[in-house]
Amino acid sequence: MKPITDRDWLIEWGLQHERCAACGADWGLQTHHLVKRSRRRMDRGFNLLRLCLYCHSAAEGIRVCDAGHEWVPLLSLSACLRLKREADPDEWEPEMLEELLGRPLPSLEEIPEFFTRKRRAYKK
């Protein structure tokens, strides 16, 4: 039997997270690292957030229009942290994130209304 690799674990983690944590979409899903590669990347659940391609771009600071031609607001680290706490409470480990980040976490921001409105639309 082939041993499970980190890549296999990452794929399995993604499959278990079937919706975008920001807008609720179930398509175009990508895995976002809360603490980026430029620091100390860690492929562990506490550092990962499942986002659709539009919301992932917003979390990376890239301005995009969604499929409905509406500008997607940027998602700050603070907003992404709130999304993580809400979407994956079992994987919420702020102490580990602070250790990776090398500083205290910022205060958690409210999620922009754009995303809560999209979540409501996807639930219908």
C-alpha atoms as a PDB file:
ATOM      1  CA  MET A   1       0.000   0.000   0.000  1.00  0.00           C
ATOM      2  CA  LYS A   2       1.286   3.444  -0.969  1.00  0.00           C
ATOM      3  CA  PRO A   3       1.930   5.780   2.006  1.00  0.00           C
ATOM      4  CA  ILE A   4      -0.180   8.908   2.284  1.00  0.00           C
ATOM      5  CA  THR A   5       1.785  11.971   1.212  1.00  0.00           C
ATOM      6  CA  ASP A   6       1.184  15.590   2.158  1.00  0.00           C
ATOM      7  CA  ARG A   7      -0.161  16.118  -1.371  1.00  0.00           C
ATOM      8  CA  ASP A   8      -2.663  13.266  -0.890  1.00  0.00           C
ATOM      9  CA  TRP A   9      -3.713  14.772   2.443  1.00  0.00           C
ATOM     10  CA  LEU A  10      -4.150  18.202   0.850  1.00  0.00           C
ATOM     11  CA  ILE A  11      -6.329  16.747  -1.919  1.00  0.00           C
ATOM     12  CA  GLU A  12      -8.441  14.872   0.643  1.00  0.00           C
ATOM     13  CA  TRP A  13      -8.800  18.032   2.747  1.00  0.00           C
ATOM     14  CA  GLY A  14     -10.022  19.909  -0.323  1.00  0.00           C
ATOM     15  CA  LEU A  15     -12.570  17.219  -1.144  1.00  0.00           C
ATOM     16  CA  GLN A  16     -13.987  17.458   2.382  1.00  0.00           C
ATOM     17  CA  HIS A  17     -14.533  21.210   1.972  1.00  0.00           C
ATOM     18  CA  GLU A  18     -17.217  21.321  -0.699  1.00  0.00           C
ATOM     19  CA  ARG A  19     -18.134  25.023  -0.617  1.00  0.00           C
ATOM     20  CA  CYS A  20     -16.401  28.367  -0.732  1.00  0.00           C
ATOM     21  CA  ALA A  21     -16.063  29.644   2.839  1.00  0.00           C
ATOM     22  CA  ALA A  22     -16.731  33.210   1.641  1.00  0.00           C
ATOM     23  CA  CYS A  23     -19.605  33.037  -0.858  1.00  0.00           C
ATOM     24  CA  GLY A  24     -20.832  29.442  -0.620  1.00  0.00           C
ATOM     25  CA  ALA A  25     -20.126  28.479  -4.260  1.00  0.00           C
ATOM     26  CA  ASP A  26     -19.585  24.782  -4.912  1.00  0.00           C
ATOM     27  CA  TRP A  27     -17.551  25.205  -8.132  1.00  0.00           C
ATOM     28  CA  GLY A  28     -14.107  26.516  -9.023  1.00  0.00           C
ATOM     29  CA  LEU A  29     -12.800  25.678  -5.552  1.00  0.00           C
ATOM     30  CA  GLN A  30      -9.191  26.360  -4.633  1.00  0.00           C
ATOM     31  CA  THR A  31      -7.209  26.092  -1.423  1.00  0.00           C
ATOM     32  CA  HIS A  32      -6.018  29.360   0.093  1.00  0.00           C
ATOM     33  CA  HIS A  33      -3.167  29.481   2.609  1.00  0.00           C
ATOM     34  CA  LEU A  34      -3.870  31.978   5.384  1.00  0.00           C
ATOM     35  CA  VAL A  35      -0.137  32.342   6.060  1.00  0.00           C
ATOM     36  CA  LYS A  36       1.550  32.463   2.678  1.00  0.00           C
ATOM     37  CA  ARG A  37       4.486  30.693   1.129  1.00  0.00           C
ATOM     38  CA  SER A  38       6.628  33.801   1.460  1.00  0.00           C
ATOM     39  CA  ARG A  39       6.728  33.129   5.178  1.00  0.00           C
ATOM     40  CA  ARG A  40       6.514  29.538   6.412  1.00  0.00           C
ATOM     41  CA  ARG A  41       3.910  27.708   4.343  1.00  0.00           C
ATOM     42  CA  MET A  42       2.207  24.919   6.159  1.00  0.00           C
ATOM     43  CA  ASP A  43      -0.286  22.551   4.537  1.00  0.00           C
ATOM     44  CA  ARG A  44      -2.340  21.866   7.661  1.00  0.00           C
ATOM     45  CA  GLY A  45      -6.038  22.392   8.182  1.00  0.00           C
ATOM     46  CA  PHE A  46      -5.649  25.371  10.508  1.00  0.00           C
ATOM     47  CA  ASN A  47      -3.783  27.275   7.769  1.00  0.00           C
ATOM     48  CA  LEU A  48      -6.139  26.446   4.886  1.00  0.00           C
ATOM     49  CA  LEU A  49      -9.348  28.045   3.656  1.00  0.00           C
ATOM     50  CA  ARG A  50     -11.433  26.707   0.772  1.00  0.00           C
ATOM     51  CA  LEU A  51     -12.440  29.502  -1.616  1.00  0.00           C
ATOM     52  CA  CYS A  52     -13.861  29.698  -5.133  1.00  0.00           C
ATOM     53  CA  LEU A  53     -11.653  31.218  -7.807  1.00  0.00           C
ATOM     54  CA  TYR A  54     -13.250  34.671  -7.441  1.00  0.00           C
ATOM     55  CA  CYS A  55     -12.980  34.772  -3.644  1.00  0.00           C
ATOM     56  CA  HIS A  56      -9.472  33.316  -3.775  1.00  0.00           C
ATOM     57  CA  SER A  57      -8.440  36.164  -6.068  1.00  0.00           C
ATOM     58  CA  ALA A  58     -10.027  38.629  -3.621  1.00  0.00           C
ATOM     59  CA  ALA A  59      -8.082  37.041  -0.739  1.00  0.00           C
ATOM     60  CA  GLU A  60      -4.869  37.414  -2.754  1.00  0.00           C
ATOM     61  CA  GLY A  61      -5.567  41.127  -3.293  1.00  0.00           C
ATOM     62  CA  ILE A  62      -6.581  40.809  -6.958  1.00  0.00           C
ATOM     63  CA  ARG A  63      -9.636  42.792  -8.097  1.00  0.00           C
ATOM     64  CA  VAL A  64     -12.013  40.652 -10.202  1.00  0.00           C
ATOM     65  CA  CYS A  65     -15.619  40.661 -11.393  1.00  0.00           C
ATOM     66  CA  ASP A  66     -17.692  37.605 -10.548  1.00  0.00           C
ATOM     67  CA  ALA A  67     -19.836  35.669 -13.031  1.00  0.00           C
ATOM     68  CA  GLY A  68     -22.630  38.211 -12.456  1.00  0.00           C
ATOM     69  CA  HIS A  69     -20.245  41.025 -13.469  1.00  0.00           C
ATOM     70  CA  GLU A  70     -20.120  42.447  -9.956  1.00  0.00           C
ATOM     71  CA  TRP A  71     -16.822  43.566  -8.430  1.00  0.00           C
ATOM     72  CA  VAL A  72     -15.722  41.188  -5.686  1.00  0.00           C
ATOM     73  CA  PRO A  73     -14.502  43.121  -2.619  1.00  0.00           C
ATOM     74  CA  LEU A  74     -10.997  42.309  -1.467  1.00  0.00           C
ATOM     75  CA  LEU A  75     -10.722  39.948   1.485  1.00  0.00           C
ATOM     76  CA  SER A  76      -8.153  41.016   4.073  1.00  0.00           C
ATOM     77  CA  LEU A  77      -6.286  38.541   6.251  1.00  0.00           C
ATOM     78  CA  SER A  78      -8.541  39.636   9.085  1.00  0.00           C
ATOM     79  CA  ALA A  79     -11.678  38.793   7.081  1.00  0.00           C
ATOM     80  CA  CYS A  80     -10.178  35.462   5.965  1.00  0.00           C
ATOM     81  CA  LEU A  81      -9.449  34.601   9.584  1.00  0.00           C
ATOM     82  CA  ARG A  82     -13.091  35.251  10.509  1.00  0.00           C
ATOM     83  CA  LEU A  83     -14.180  33.068   7.586  1.00  0.00           C
ATOM     84  CA  LYS A  84     -11.875  30.298   8.804  1.00  0.00           C
ATOM     85  CA  ARG A  85     -13.233  30.516  12.355  1.00  0.00           C
ATOM     86  CA  GLU A  86     -16.824  30.383  11.074  1.00  0.00           C
ATOM     87  CA  ALA A  87     -16.383  27.787   8.290  1.00  0.00           C
ATOM     88  CA  ASP A  88     -14.001  25.402  10.077  1.00  0.00           C
ATOM     89  CA  PRO A  89     -14.401  25.822  13.839  1.00  0.00           C
ATOM     90  CA  ASP A  90     -12.790  22.409  14.473  1.00  0.00           C
ATOM     91  CA  GLU A  91      -9.673  23.562  12.614  1.00  0.00           C
ATOM     92  CA  TRP A  92      -9.523  27.052  14.151  1.00  0.00           C
ATOM     93  CA  GLU A  93      -6.127  27.246  15.897  1.00  0.00           C
ATOM     94  CA  PRO A  94      -5.210  30.924  16.325  1.00  0.00           C
ATOM     95  CA  GLU A  95      -2.099  30.124  18.388  1.00  0.00           C
ATOM     96  CA  MET A  96      -0.650  28.035  15.544  1.00  0.00           C
ATOM     97  CA  LEU A  97      -1.480  30.758  13.022  1.00  0.00           C
ATOM     98  CA  GLU A  98       0.238  33.358  15.206  1.00  0.00           C
ATOM     99  CA  GLU A  99       3.297  31.131  15.390  1.00  0.00           C
ATOM    100  CA  LEU A 100       3.405  30.813  11.597  1.00  0.00           C
ATOM    101  CA  LEU A 101       2.728  34.521  11.103  1.00  0.00           C
ATOM    102  CA  GLY A 102       5.357  35.530  13.647  1.00  0.00           C
ATOM    103  CA  ARG A 103       3.091  38.101  15.292  1.00  0.00           C
ATOM    104  CA  PRO A 104      -0.322  38.384  16.938  1.00  0.00           C
ATOM    105  CA  LEU A 105      -3.309  37.905  14.671  1.00  0.00           C
ATOM    106  CA  PRO A 106      -5.223  41.040  13.685  1.00  0.00           C
ATOM    107  CA  SER A 107      -8.704  41.614  15.096  1.00  0.00           C
ATOM    108  CA  LEU A 108     -11.301  39.732  13.099  1.00  0.00           C
ATOM    109  CA  GLU A 109     -13.223  41.927  10.658  1.00  0.00           C
ATOM    110  CA  GLU A 110     -16.836  41.564   9.693  1.00  0.00           C
ATOM    111  CA  ILE A 111     -17.362  39.769   6.404  1.00  0.00           C
ATOM    112  CA  PRO A 112     -18.356  42.229   3.637  1.00  0.00           C
ATOM    113  CA  GLU A 113     -22.075  42.071   2.838  1.00  0.00           C
ATOM    114  CA  PHE A 114     -21.287  41.019  -0.742  1.00  0.00           C
ATOM    115  CA  PHE A 115     -20.264  37.564   0.523  1.00  0.00           C
ATOM    116  CA  THR A 116     -23.182  37.059   2.906  1.00  0.00           C
ATOM    117  CA  ARG A 117     -25.560  38.036   0.090  1.00  0.00           C
ATOM    118  CA  LYS A 118     -23.892  35.506  -2.232  1.00  0.00           C
ATOM    119  CA  ARG A 119     -24.114  32.797   0.464  1.00  0.00           C
ATOM    120  CA  ARG A 120     -27.848  33.372   0.775  1.00  0.00           C
ATOM    121  CA  ALA A 121     -28.233  33.110  -3.018  1.00  0.00           C
ATOM    122  CA  TYR A 122     -26.261  29.819  -3.180  1.00  0.00           C
ATOM    123  CA  LYS A 123     -28.384  28.267  -0.414  1.00  0.00           C
ATOM    124  CA  LYS A 124     -31.558  28.688  -2.502  1.00  0.00           C
END
